[in-house]
Protein backbone atom coordinates (compact mmCIF):
# COMPACT_ATOMS: atom_id res chain seq x y z
CA MET A 1 200.97 -26.95 22.01
CA THR A 2 202.21 -30.49 22.03
CA GLY A 3 205.27 -29.43 24.10
CA ALA A 4 203.09 -27.65 26.63
CA ARG A 5 200.94 -30.72 27.22
CA LEU A 6 204.08 -32.82 27.74
CA ALA A 7 205.48 -30.45 30.38
CA VAL A 8 202.20 -30.42 32.31
CA GLY A 9 202.15 -34.20 32.30
CA ILE A 10 205.61 -34.41 33.72
CA LEU A 11 204.76 -31.97 36.54
CA LEU A 12 201.62 -33.91 37.44
CA ALA A 13 203.52 -37.14 37.52
CA ALA A 14 206.17 -35.61 39.78
CA ALA A 15 203.58 -34.11 42.08
CA CYS A 16 201.81 -37.45 42.49
CA GLY A 17 205.05 -39.27 43.05
CA GLY A 18 203.84 -41.97 40.81
CA GLY A 19 205.45 -45.36 41.03
CA SER A 20 207.31 -47.07 43.86
CA GLY A 21 210.61 -45.79 42.58
CA GLY A 22 209.80 -42.06 43.19
CA SER A 23 212.33 -39.82 45.04
CA GLY A 24 209.92 -37.98 47.48
CA THR A 25 210.13 -38.07 51.33
CA ASP A 26 207.97 -40.60 53.14
CA PRO A 27 205.64 -38.62 55.43
CA ASP A 28 205.42 -41.64 57.75
CA ALA A 29 209.21 -41.81 58.33
CA ALA A 30 210.35 -41.14 62.02
CA ALA A 31 212.21 -37.87 62.81
CA PRO A 32 215.86 -38.33 63.89
CA SER A 33 216.20 -38.77 67.68
CA PRO A 34 218.84 -37.33 70.08
CA VAL A 35 221.49 -39.93 70.89
CA ALA A 36 224.30 -37.99 72.60
CA LEU A 37 225.03 -34.66 74.28
CA SER A 38 228.39 -32.92 74.43
CA ILE A 39 229.76 -29.71 75.98
CA SER A 40 232.22 -27.27 74.52
CA PRO A 41 234.69 -25.99 75.38
CA ALA A 42 235.82 -29.20 77.04
CA ASP A 43 237.78 -28.98 80.31
CA PRO A 44 238.63 -25.27 80.18
CA THR A 45 240.91 -23.52 82.68
CA VAL A 46 239.96 -20.08 83.97
CA VAL A 47 242.59 -17.84 85.57
CA VAL A 48 241.33 -15.17 87.95
CA ALA A 49 244.07 -12.55 88.06
CA ASN A 50 243.64 -9.96 90.79
CA GLY A 51 239.90 -10.50 90.73
CA ALA A 52 239.44 -10.35 86.95
CA ALA A 53 238.72 -13.27 84.63
CA ASP A 54 237.10 -13.89 81.25
CA ALA A 55 233.71 -15.57 81.24
CA VAL A 56 233.30 -18.98 79.62
CA ALA A 57 230.31 -19.54 77.35
CA PHE A 58 229.53 -23.24 77.51
CA VAL A 59 227.55 -24.71 74.61
CA ALA A 60 225.61 -27.97 74.62
CA THR A 61 225.42 -29.84 71.31
CA VAL A 62 223.00 -32.66 70.54
CA GLU A 63 223.99 -35.45 68.17
CA LEU A 64 221.00 -36.92 66.31
CA SER A 65 220.43 -40.47 65.13
CA ASP A 66 220.92 -39.48 61.51
CA GLY A 67 224.43 -38.19 62.25
CA THR A 68 223.56 -34.53 62.24
CA THR A 69 224.05 -32.15 65.18
CA GLU A 70 222.33 -29.08 66.53
CA ILE A 71 222.78 -26.63 69.38
CA ALA A 72 220.68 -27.50 72.44
CA ASP A 73 219.36 -24.06 73.30
CA ASP A 74 216.97 -25.72 75.75
CA ALA A 75 219.79 -27.16 77.92
CA THR A 76 219.86 -26.47 81.65
CA TRP A 77 223.18 -26.05 83.44
CA SER A 78 224.55 -26.73 86.93
CA LEU A 79 227.92 -26.48 88.68
CA ALA A 80 229.43 -28.43 91.58
CA PRO A 81 230.77 -27.12 93.84
CA PRO A 82 228.82 -23.90 93.41
CA GLN A 83 231.45 -21.86 95.28
CA LEU A 84 233.65 -21.87 92.18
CA GLY A 85 231.46 -19.31 90.45
CA ASP A 86 228.17 -18.49 88.83
CA LEU A 87 226.92 -20.76 86.04
CA ALA A 88 223.75 -19.40 84.42
CA ALA A 89 221.24 -22.24 84.43
CA ALA A 90 219.61 -21.16 81.18
CA THR A 91 222.56 -19.97 79.11
CA GLY A 92 225.65 -21.86 80.32
CA LYS A 93 227.66 -18.69 80.88
CA PHE A 94 230.24 -19.27 83.64
CA VAL A 95 231.88 -16.50 85.66
CA ALA A 96 234.44 -17.56 88.29
CA SER A 97 233.82 -16.19 91.77
CA GLY A 98 237.50 -15.63 92.49
CA THR A 99 236.90 -16.58 96.13
CA VAL A 100 238.15 -20.15 95.76
CA ALA A 101 240.34 -22.06 93.35
CA GLY A 102 239.87 -25.66 92.31
CA ALA A 103 238.21 -27.98 89.84
CA GLY A 104 234.46 -28.32 89.41
CA THR A 105 231.99 -30.29 87.34
CA VAL A 106 229.78 -28.58 84.77
CA THR A 107 226.65 -30.54 83.89
CA ALA A 108 224.28 -29.91 80.98
CA SER A 109 220.87 -31.59 80.67
CA ALA A 110 218.74 -31.55 77.53
CA ARG A 111 216.20 -33.81 75.80
CA GLY A 112 216.66 -36.63 78.28
CA LEU A 113 220.46 -36.59 78.01
CA THR A 114 223.24 -35.27 80.24
CA ALA A 115 226.86 -34.35 79.61
CA GLN A 116 229.65 -33.24 81.91
CA THR A 117 232.99 -31.49 81.67
CA THR A 118 235.51 -30.13 84.13
CA VAL A 119 236.20 -26.47 84.71
CA THR A 120 239.44 -25.59 86.49
CA VAL A 121 239.73 -22.26 88.26
CA ARG A 122 243.09 -20.80 89.23
CA VAL A 123 243.31 -17.69 91.38
CA ASP A 124 246.45 -15.62 91.07
CA ASP A 125 246.74 -12.48 93.19
CA VAL A 126 249.74 -10.19 92.81
CA HIS A 127 250.56 -7.45 95.31
CA ALA A 128 253.29 -4.80 95.18
CA GLY A 129 254.69 -2.84 98.09
CA THR A 130 255.88 0.74 98.20
CA GLY A 131 258.80 1.56 95.90
CA VAL A 132 258.65 -1.68 93.89
CA PRO A 133 259.88 -1.03 90.32
CA ALA A 134 257.59 -1.78 87.40
CA ASP A 135 259.93 -4.53 86.13
CA ALA A 136 260.17 -6.33 89.47
CA ALA A 137 258.52 -9.50 88.17
CA ASP A 138 260.92 -9.60 85.22
CA ARG A 139 263.93 -9.50 87.52
CA PHE A 140 262.79 -12.73 89.14
CA ASP A 141 262.51 -14.50 85.78
CA THR A 142 266.17 -15.44 85.85
CA ALA A 143 266.97 -19.02 86.87
CA PRO A 144 267.18 -19.17 90.68
CA GLN A 145 270.29 -20.21 92.53
CA PRO A 146 270.18 -23.56 94.37
CA PRO A 147 268.39 -23.44 97.73
CA GLY A 148 270.58 -23.22 100.78
CA SER A 149 272.88 -20.51 99.50
CA ALA A 150 274.36 -18.13 102.04
CA GLU A 151 272.65 -15.32 100.10
CA ALA A 152 269.21 -16.92 100.43
CA PRO A 153 266.73 -15.43 102.90
CA ALA A 154 265.99 -17.46 106.03
CA LEU A 155 262.24 -18.01 106.36
CA LEU A 156 261.42 -17.78 110.08
CA TYR A 157 257.63 -17.73 110.32
CA PRO A 158 255.25 -19.54 109.99
CA LEU A 159 256.63 -22.64 111.65
CA ASP A 160 256.88 -25.61 109.34
CA GLY A 161 254.15 -28.20 109.94
CA ALA A 162 251.85 -26.00 112.00
CA VAL A 163 248.14 -26.84 111.98
CA VAL A 164 245.84 -23.81 111.94
CA PRO A 165 242.06 -23.36 111.96
CA SER A 166 240.25 -21.91 108.96
CA THR A 167 239.24 -18.94 111.13
CA LEU A 168 242.86 -17.86 111.67
CA ALA A 169 243.69 -14.27 110.73
CA PRO A 170 246.21 -13.65 107.91
CA VAL A 171 249.73 -14.90 108.60
CA ASP A 172 252.60 -12.44 108.84
CA VAL A 173 255.38 -14.08 106.83
CA GLN A 174 258.74 -13.16 108.35
CA TRP A 175 262.29 -13.75 107.21
CA GLU A 176 265.77 -12.27 107.45
CA GLY A 177 268.72 -11.78 105.12
CA GLY A 178 269.46 -9.15 102.50
CA ASN A 179 270.39 -5.53 102.06
CA GLN A 180 268.97 -2.21 101.07
CA GLY A 181 268.21 -2.17 97.35
CA ASP A 182 267.21 -5.84 97.23
CA LEU A 183 263.79 -7.01 96.07
CA TYR A 184 261.77 -9.82 97.59
CA ARG A 185 259.09 -12.05 96.16
CA VAL A 186 256.86 -13.77 98.71
CA VAL A 187 254.93 -16.68 97.24
CA VAL A 188 252.09 -18.35 99.14
CA GLU A 189 250.26 -21.23 97.46
CA ALA A 190 247.37 -23.54 98.33
CA GLY A 191 245.98 -25.92 95.76
CA LEU A 192 245.33 -23.85 92.63
CA ALA A 193 245.47 -20.50 94.44
CA ARG A 194 248.56 -18.34 94.66
CA ALA A 195 249.34 -14.99 96.24
CA THR A 196 252.55 -13.22 95.25
CA ALA A 197 253.92 -10.08 96.85
CA TYR A 198 256.82 -7.99 95.55
CA LEU A 199 258.59 -5.89 98.17
CA ALA A 200 261.46 -3.41 97.95
CA HIS A 201 264.08 -3.11 100.69
CA ASP A 202 264.27 0.67 100.83
CA GLY A 203 266.22 0.81 104.09
CA PRO A 204 265.01 1.16 107.66
CA PRO A 205 262.33 0.63 108.79
CA PHE A 206 262.04 -2.31 106.33
CA ARG A 207 260.83 -5.21 108.48
CA TYR A 208 261.46 -8.28 106.31
CA ASP A 209 257.84 -9.34 106.52
CA TRP A 210 254.59 -9.44 104.60
CA THR A 211 251.19 -9.98 106.13
CA VAL A 212 249.22 -11.93 103.57
CA ALA A 213 246.46 -9.69 102.18
CA ALA A 214 243.13 -10.56 103.81
CA SER A 215 241.40 -11.21 100.49
CA SER A 216 244.20 -13.50 99.32
CA TRP A 217 244.37 -15.31 102.66
CA ALA A 218 240.64 -16.09 102.46
CA VAL A 219 241.10 -17.57 98.98
CA LEU A 220 244.14 -19.59 100.03
CA LYS A 221 242.36 -21.10 103.02
CA ALA A 222 239.29 -21.93 100.97
CA SER A 223 241.37 -23.50 98.20
CA ALA A 224 243.65 -25.72 100.28
CA GLY A 225 241.21 -28.63 100.27
CA GLY A 226 243.42 -30.76 102.49
CA ASP A 227 246.62 -29.77 100.70
CA PRO A 228 249.23 -27.75 102.59
CA VAL A 229 249.61 -24.01 102.29
CA THR A 230 253.21 -23.36 101.27
CA PHE A 231 255.38 -20.30 101.84
CA ARG A 232 258.57 -19.24 100.09
CA VAL A 233 260.57 -16.01 99.94
CA ASP A 234 262.82 -15.25 96.97
CA ARG A 235 265.49 -12.56 97.15
CA TRP A 236 266.68 -10.62 94.13
CA ASN A 237 270.17 -9.57 95.12
CA ALA A 238 270.90 -6.07 93.86
CA ALA A 239 274.64 -6.77 94.08
CA ASP A 240 274.74 -9.57 91.51
CA GLY A 241 271.26 -9.65 89.92
CA GLN A 242 270.74 -13.25 90.98
CA VAL A 243 267.64 -14.79 92.57
CA TYR A 244 268.04 -16.72 95.81
CA PRO A 245 265.06 -18.75 97.08
CA SER A 246 264.46 -19.61 100.71
CA ALA A 247 263.49 -23.05 101.87
CA THR A 248 259.76 -23.75 101.58
CA ARG A 249 257.61 -24.10 104.65
CA SER A 250 254.11 -25.46 104.83
CA ILE A 251 251.17 -25.40 107.21
CA SER A 252 247.88 -27.28 107.25
CA VAL A 253 244.54 -25.49 107.37
CA VAL A 254 241.67 -27.48 108.85
CA GLN A 255 238.02 -26.53 108.71
CA ALA A 256 237.53 -25.44 112.29
CA ASN A 257 235.59 -22.55 113.80
CA VAL A 258 238.07 -21.60 116.48
CA ALA A 259 237.16 -18.08 117.48
CA GLY A 260 235.73 -16.78 120.74
CA ALA A 261 237.46 -14.35 123.08
CA ILE A 262 240.88 -14.69 124.67
CA TYR A 263 241.53 -12.85 127.93
CA TYR A 264 245.22 -12.53 128.69
CA TRP A 265 247.56 -10.73 131.03
CA ASP A 266 249.66 -7.94 129.56
CA LEU A 267 252.38 -8.31 132.13
CA SER A 268 254.26 -5.25 130.92
CA ASP A 269 251.37 -2.92 131.77
CA GLY A 270 249.66 -4.93 134.50
CA GLN A 271 246.32 -5.20 132.72
CA ILE A 272 243.97 -7.79 131.29
CA LEU A 273 243.30 -7.43 127.57
CA ARG A 274 240.84 -9.21 125.33
CA ILE A 275 241.28 -10.45 121.76
CA THR A 276 238.09 -11.03 119.78
CA SER A 277 237.23 -11.17 116.11
CA ALA A 278 237.36 -7.35 116.20
CA GLY A 279 240.96 -7.34 117.44
CA ARG A 280 242.68 -6.44 120.72
CA GLU A 281 240.80 -4.29 123.18
CA ASP A 282 241.30 -2.82 126.61
CA PHE A 283 237.85 -3.90 127.72
CA ILE A 284 238.36 -2.96 131.36
CA PRO A 285 240.42 0.26 131.30
CA TYR A 286 239.56 1.34 134.85
CA PRO A 287 239.71 -1.59 137.28
CA PRO A 288 238.74 -0.78 140.86
CA PRO A 289 241.55 1.19 142.56
CA LYS A 290 243.10 0.05 145.80
CA PRO A 291 241.45 2.04 148.63
CA ASP A 292 244.69 3.08 150.28
CA ASP A 293 246.61 3.49 147.01
CA PRO A 294 244.27 4.89 144.32
CA ALA A 295 247.00 4.78 141.67
CA ASN A 296 247.16 1.00 142.00
CA ARG A 297 244.72 -0.52 139.53
CA CYS A 298 246.78 -3.59 138.74
CA VAL A 299 244.90 -6.69 137.58
CA ALA A 300 246.95 -9.86 137.76
CA CYS A 301 245.98 -13.52 138.03
CA HIS A 302 242.59 -14.10 136.45
CA THR A 303 240.24 -16.79 135.19
CA VAL A 304 237.20 -16.78 132.91
CA SER A 305 234.13 -18.98 133.11
CA ARG A 306 233.76 -21.39 130.21
CA ASP A 307 230.50 -19.80 129.12
CA GLY A 308 232.24 -16.42 128.88
CA SER A 309 229.89 -14.78 131.37
CA LYS A 310 232.27 -13.99 134.25
CA MET A 311 235.87 -13.15 135.01
CA ALA A 312 237.48 -13.44 138.43
CA ALA A 313 240.71 -11.55 138.98
CA GLU A 314 243.20 -10.81 141.71
CA LEU A 315 243.66 -7.06 142.16
CA TRP A 316 246.53 -4.85 143.27
CA GLY A 317 249.18 -7.52 143.89
CA GLY A 318 249.92 -10.87 145.50
CA ASN A 319 247.62 -11.98 148.35
CA GLU A 320 245.30 -9.05 147.76
CA PHE A 321 241.54 -9.03 147.27
CA GLY A 322 239.84 -10.53 144.25
CA ALA A 323 236.76 -9.42 142.36
CA ILE A 324 234.26 -11.00 139.95
CA PHE A 325 233.18 -9.12 136.81
CA ASP A 326 230.19 -9.59 134.51
CA LEU A 327 231.60 -9.95 131.00
CA SER A 328 228.22 -9.50 129.35
CA VAL A 329 228.08 -5.81 130.30
CA ASP A 330 230.12 -2.73 129.47
CA LEU A 331 233.14 -2.59 131.77
CA THR A 332 234.55 0.74 130.60
CA ALA A 333 233.09 2.81 133.45
CA ASP A 334 235.40 4.22 136.11
CA PRO A 335 235.62 2.12 138.17
CA ALA A 336 234.52 -0.99 136.33
CA PRO A 337 231.37 -2.49 137.86
CA THR A 338 231.66 -5.79 139.70
CA ILE A 339 229.41 -8.68 140.65
CA VAL A 340 231.53 -9.38 143.70
CA PRO A 341 233.46 -6.30 144.85
CA PRO A 342 237.10 -6.50 145.97
CA ASP A 343 236.41 -6.70 149.69
CA ARG A 344 234.89 -10.17 150.08
CA TYR A 345 237.66 -12.68 149.43
CA ARG A 346 241.40 -12.91 148.84
CA ALA A 347 242.88 -15.25 146.25
CA LEU A 348 245.83 -15.82 143.99
CA PHE A 349 244.39 -18.34 141.53
CA SER A 350 240.82 -19.46 140.92
CA THR A 351 238.53 -21.48 138.68
CA PHE A 352 234.77 -21.46 138.01
CA ASN A 353 232.54 -24.52 138.01
CA PRO A 354 230.79 -25.20 134.66
CA ASP A 355 227.72 -23.03 135.32
CA ALA A 356 229.77 -20.25 136.98
CA THR A 357 227.81 -20.38 140.23
CA ARG A 358 230.84 -21.38 142.27
CA LEU A 359 234.41 -20.10 142.31
CA LEU A 360 237.15 -22.31 143.71
CA ILE A 361 239.90 -20.06 145.06
CA ASN A 362 243.54 -20.74 145.92
CA PHE A 363 244.94 -18.68 148.78
CA GLU A 364 247.85 -19.38 151.17
CA ASN A 365 248.29 -22.90 149.76
CA ARG A 366 244.70 -23.92 150.47
CA LEU A 367 241.58 -24.29 148.35
CA GLU A 368 238.22 -22.79 149.31
CA LEU A 369 234.82 -22.59 147.67
CA ILE A 370 232.86 -19.34 147.38
CA ASP A 371 229.52 -18.29 145.94
CA ALA A 372 230.22 -16.56 142.62
CA ALA A 373 227.27 -14.21 143.10
CA THR A 374 228.09 -13.00 146.61
CA GLY A 375 231.69 -13.90 147.38
CA THR A 376 230.73 -15.68 150.59
CA VAL A 377 232.42 -18.92 151.59
CA VAL A 378 230.53 -22.13 150.81
CA PRO A 379 231.31 -25.09 153.09
CA ALA A 380 232.98 -27.94 151.20
CA MET A 381 231.24 -31.23 151.92
CA GLY A 382 232.47 -34.81 151.63
CA ALA A 383 236.22 -35.10 152.06
CA GLY A 384 236.52 -31.32 151.93
CA LEU A 385 239.25 -29.43 150.10
CA PRO A 386 243.04 -29.43 150.64
CA ALA A 387 244.17 -27.04 153.35
CA ALA A 388 247.89 -27.06 152.46
CA GLY A 389 250.29 -27.60 149.58
CA ALA A 390 247.70 -26.75 146.89
CA ALA A 391 248.08 -24.59 143.77
CA HIS A 392 246.66 -23.91 140.30
CA PRO A 393 243.16 -25.43 140.47
CA THR A 394 241.07 -25.97 137.32
CA TRP A 395 237.52 -27.34 137.12
CA SER A 396 236.69 -29.85 134.39
CA PRO A 397 234.11 -28.82 131.76
CA ASP A 398 231.85 -31.72 132.75
CA GLY A 399 231.99 -30.61 136.38
CA THR A 400 233.07 -33.96 137.80
CA ALA A 401 236.69 -33.24 138.71
CA ILE A 402 239.16 -30.57 139.74
CA ALA A 403 242.79 -30.86 138.68
CA PHE A 404 245.39 -29.04 140.79
CA ILE A 405 248.95 -29.18 142.03
CA ALA A 406 249.29 -31.01 145.34
CA ASN A 407 252.07 -31.32 147.89
CA HIS A 408 254.15 -28.49 146.49
CA ASP A 409 257.15 -27.20 148.42
CA GLY A 410 256.55 -23.47 148.17
CA ALA A 411 255.69 -20.90 150.80
CA TRP A 412 252.83 -19.78 148.56
CA PRO A 413 251.25 -21.19 145.38
CA VAL A 414 253.15 -18.86 143.06
CA ASP A 415 256.67 -20.18 143.63
CA PHE A 416 257.62 -23.81 144.09
CA THR A 417 260.08 -26.31 142.64
CA LEU A 418 258.28 -29.56 143.43
CA GLY A 419 254.62 -30.42 142.96
CA ASP A 420 252.39 -33.39 142.13
CA LEU A 421 249.64 -33.28 139.52
CA ALA A 422 246.45 -34.46 141.23
CA VAL A 423 242.69 -34.66 140.71
CA ILE A 424 239.87 -34.10 143.20
CA PRO A 425 236.63 -35.97 142.37
CA VAL A 426 233.48 -33.83 142.58
CA THR A 427 231.03 -36.20 144.29
CA GLY A 428 227.99 -33.92 144.40
CA PRO A 429 226.93 -30.29 144.79
CA ASP A 430 229.69 -28.63 146.85
CA SER A 431 230.98 -32.09 147.75
CA PHE A 432 234.43 -33.49 147.04
CA GLY A 433 236.39 -36.71 147.32
CA ALA A 434 239.97 -37.31 148.38
CA PRO A 435 242.69 -36.14 145.96
CA VAL A 436 244.32 -38.69 143.66
CA VAL A 437 247.86 -38.08 142.38
CA LEU A 438 248.18 -38.58 138.61
CA ARG A 439 251.79 -37.57 138.08
CA ALA A 440 254.28 -37.34 140.93
CA ALA A 441 256.82 -34.55 141.03
CA ASP A 442 259.85 -36.83 140.66
CA GLY A 443 262.14 -33.87 141.22
CA MET A 444 260.17 -31.46 139.04
CA ALA A 445 257.41 -28.89 139.41
CA ASN A 446 254.21 -29.90 137.68
CA ALA A 447 252.11 -26.78 137.14
CA TRP A 448 249.06 -25.20 135.53
CA PRO A 449 246.81 -28.13 134.63
CA THR A 450 243.96 -27.57 132.15
CA PHE A 451 241.19 -29.92 130.98
CA SER A 452 240.43 -30.67 127.34
CA PRO A 453 236.91 -29.74 126.18
CA ASP A 454 235.74 -33.36 126.61
CA SER A 455 237.22 -33.48 130.15
CA GLN A 456 239.20 -36.63 129.30
CA TRP A 457 242.69 -35.14 129.01
CA ILE A 458 244.80 -32.78 131.08
CA ALA A 459 247.57 -30.63 129.67
CA PHE A 460 250.07 -29.28 132.18
CA GLY A 461 253.46 -27.67 132.50
CA ARG A 462 256.48 -29.49 133.88
CA GLY A 463 259.80 -27.86 134.68
CA THR A 464 262.30 -26.79 137.28
CA HIS A 465 260.03 -24.09 138.69
CA SER A 466 256.33 -23.26 138.80
CA ARG A 467 257.07 -20.03 136.95
CA GLY A 468 258.62 -19.76 133.55
CA MET A 469 260.58 -16.71 134.65
CA ARG A 470 261.30 -15.01 137.93
CA ASP A 471 263.19 -11.76 138.40
CA GLY A 472 264.42 -11.98 134.82
CA THR A 473 265.74 -15.52 135.20
CA PRO A 474 264.09 -18.09 132.88
CA HIS A 475 263.30 -21.53 134.22
CA PRO A 476 263.18 -24.48 131.80
CA GLY A 477 259.71 -25.88 131.31
CA SER A 478 257.67 -27.79 128.74
CA LEU A 479 254.11 -28.87 128.00
CA TRP A 480 252.77 -32.34 128.69
CA LEU A 481 249.50 -34.25 128.23
CA ILE A 482 248.05 -36.99 130.38
CA ALA A 483 244.79 -38.91 130.38
CA ARG A 484 242.37 -38.06 133.16
CA ASP A 485 242.95 -41.48 134.72
CA GLY A 486 246.69 -40.86 134.94
CA THR A 487 247.73 -42.99 131.96
CA ASN A 488 249.39 -42.09 128.67
CA ALA A 489 251.53 -39.20 129.87
CA VAL A 490 253.45 -37.75 126.94
CA GLU A 491 255.54 -34.66 126.33
CA LEU A 492 254.14 -32.39 123.63
CA VAL A 493 257.47 -32.16 121.81
CA ARG A 494 256.17 -30.59 118.62
CA ALA A 495 254.19 -27.95 120.51
CA ASN A 496 257.26 -27.22 122.64
CA GLY A 497 259.33 -26.46 119.55
CA GLY A 498 261.19 -29.75 119.10
CA PRO A 499 263.30 -32.14 121.17
CA GLY A 500 265.03 -30.43 124.06
CA ALA A 501 263.04 -27.19 123.79
CA ALA A 502 262.06 -26.02 127.27
CA ASN A 503 260.51 -22.55 127.09
CA SER A 504 256.74 -23.22 126.97
CA TYR A 505 254.44 -22.63 129.94
CA LEU A 506 250.97 -22.12 131.38
CA PRO A 507 248.74 -24.07 128.97
CA ASN A 508 245.01 -23.44 128.67
CA PHE A 509 242.63 -25.38 126.47
CA SER A 510 240.13 -23.45 124.41
CA PRO A 511 236.49 -24.59 124.66
CA PHE A 512 236.59 -25.75 121.04
CA ASP A 513 236.77 -29.32 119.77
CA GLU A 514 236.91 -28.50 116.07
CA GLY A 515 238.38 -30.03 112.92
CA GLY A 516 239.56 -33.13 114.76
CA TYR A 517 241.63 -31.11 117.22
CA PHE A 518 241.61 -29.50 120.62
CA TRP A 519 243.24 -26.06 120.59
CA LEU A 520 245.70 -25.30 123.39
CA ALA A 521 246.98 -21.80 124.17
CA PHE A 522 250.21 -21.25 126.10
CA TYR A 523 252.98 -18.73 126.42
CA SER A 524 256.57 -19.14 125.33
CA THR A 525 259.78 -17.13 125.36
CA ARG A 526 260.82 -18.64 122.01
CA ASP A 527 261.50 -16.34 119.08
CA TYR A 528 258.52 -15.23 117.07
CA GLY A 529 259.75 -14.42 113.59
CA ASN A 530 262.57 -11.92 113.17
CA ALA A 531 263.84 -9.00 115.23
CA TYR A 532 262.04 -6.37 113.12
CA ALA A 533 258.43 -7.53 112.99
CA GLY A 534 258.61 -10.20 115.69
CA THR A 535 260.44 -10.83 118.95
CA LYS A 536 263.66 -12.58 117.95
CA GLY A 537 266.37 -12.21 120.56
CA THR A 538 264.17 -10.57 123.21
CA GLY A 539 262.98 -13.62 125.20
CA ARG A 540 259.66 -11.80 125.41
CA ARG A 541 256.67 -13.86 126.50
CA GLN A 542 254.18 -14.33 123.68
CA LEU A 543 251.00 -16.38 123.29
CA TRP A 544 250.99 -19.40 120.99
CA VAL A 545 248.41 -22.05 120.05
CA THR A 546 248.98 -25.70 119.24
CA ALA A 547 246.51 -28.14 117.70
CA ILE A 548 246.13 -31.33 119.76
CA GLN A 549 244.58 -34.38 118.10
CA ASN A 550 241.29 -35.03 119.88
CA ALA A 551 241.79 -38.80 119.92
CA PRO A 552 245.44 -39.17 120.96
CA ALA A 553 247.10 -42.51 120.31
CA PRO A 554 248.81 -43.99 123.37
CA GLY A 555 252.47 -43.07 123.61
CA GLU A 556 252.41 -40.68 120.65
CA ASP A 557 252.79 -36.91 120.64
CA PRO A 558 249.40 -35.60 119.42
CA SER A 559 250.50 -31.98 119.11
CA ALA A 560 251.51 -29.92 116.08
CA PRO A 561 254.03 -27.09 115.77
CA ALA A 562 252.36 -23.99 117.15
CA TYR A 563 251.17 -20.78 115.58
CA TRP A 564 251.53 -17.31 117.08
CA LEU A 565 248.25 -15.88 118.37
CA PRO A 566 247.30 -12.91 116.15
CA GLY A 567 246.15 -9.72 117.83
CA GLN A 568 248.63 -9.50 120.68
CA ASP A 569 251.34 -6.87 120.96
CA VAL A 570 254.89 -8.05 120.19
CA ALA A 571 256.23 -5.21 122.36
CA THR A 572 254.68 -6.52 125.60
CA ASP A 573 255.05 -9.64 127.73
CA ASN A 574 251.84 -11.63 127.38
CA MET A 575 250.70 -14.69 129.32
CA SER A 576 247.76 -16.45 131.02
CA ALA A 577 245.44 -16.83 128.02
CA TYR A 578 241.92 -17.87 129.05
CA TRP A 579 239.65 -18.75 126.14
CA ALA A 580 235.86 -18.50 126.18
CA VAL A 581 232.94 -17.80 123.88
CA GLU A 582 232.87 -14.28 122.55
CA PRO A 583 230.72 -11.65 124.33
CA PRO A 584 228.05 -10.47 124.53
CA VAL A 585 226.71 -13.43 126.46
CA ASN A 586 222.97 -14.02 126.40
């Protein structure tokens, strides 16, 4: 009994916490507060391999003022830039998109605190061609031979230093060198993205090329972030088992929406073709036939209005009738419908005014103005228009000037060996001032002027002849740029292919001022790539595009090495590229 009473007394004393020296918790003491927030894992790297990658489960941890920690299940999550992937705002689960590589910032917010870490996403796509052995990658693991070996492949395309828009179609990488039985590894890298292709040389018709897969090309362009896109081709030599790398080439991708429609002359077949985002199309398969020669449906010299609504073209041959077509309608009927039929005017070359209500035509060395809706002649007011020695007119986008070739020495505006570059001021509706010479011939033929989109610069050809080729004989020529006031004339050496190169002709500016550049189309007889997938050794005319800095520094070449225009046929001679917005036109 006595022991029982003692035990009860002890329990009561403990329950009451008697005395200031008791060990119980003070109910008035403050709860520990959050003092720091951290994220784990810290700075992870995610590799997206052929579209597959493991998810990352980020966890936010709160450190409390009493030194303890706890998981912050109430954290909210965000990712910048969001293109890198999907970060669940409530759970912190990250799944890489695989559409872009790069580094991003993961942010967690909880209980008034924030924490950040970096997530790095690498995208690695691997492609294998037909007949590639399963151990192909292993064969390239051997230490490569020094670059420059005679056994190394020669990388021919793309051109080193080219500047391309982000809308450019996938590049066809072309090289030469090697034998049947060899393997090739094509490596294309941009930032943290890489595309690798393994190809087997299984004999003809092996073309020594690889067009970068569309999905990989999109990732590479998106991942460049101002860094160059690099290209390299490695050869595994079946004869000695060694790996021989090519030299590396690089191009720059700029964020630029350079699209639209390009209307060009397929000289081999005598037809005008159109390249759009959908590819190459014969949009006018049945041009009006010549009345006295129904088999003659040739379409030759043409021009397109800057708004893409109309095309004027010479039909059937030199000095024949021209016609005007509505590009906003279906032109596949037989014959193709016209706005102005081919019985109203004759012309060789022509150019529309900015709103396409007037067409300036060039016929028998004179310039005339016609109504683009009816084909009737419109009297030229003011100083009138040149009646002799005129060729290759082009109207400025702002409508205030016409550039042309004056005082040429030819019997007609197609063939001449001397010609001045000149400008006619447009002084009012259907009114013109006296021509002003910007660049004298000085023993050469200036030819084919074209205005930049801001109307402040004129690109033109300059060579020994107005044509780049006549009767199979090439004539040296190169591209130049000059300010509209006649100052700052400079040869576009990089666009031409380097010092001394003289096989670039007939420039035409696109309507786009994008990414800090104007985009200039032209044709050239230079080699495109190799002889299997390209045109090497043929001298065939192909269309190229060069990026021109839109704020050229005086005396400096503002051009970049050119890129080949995708969509054209390497088996045909192509020239006269006119660039406009893509149809349909509203």
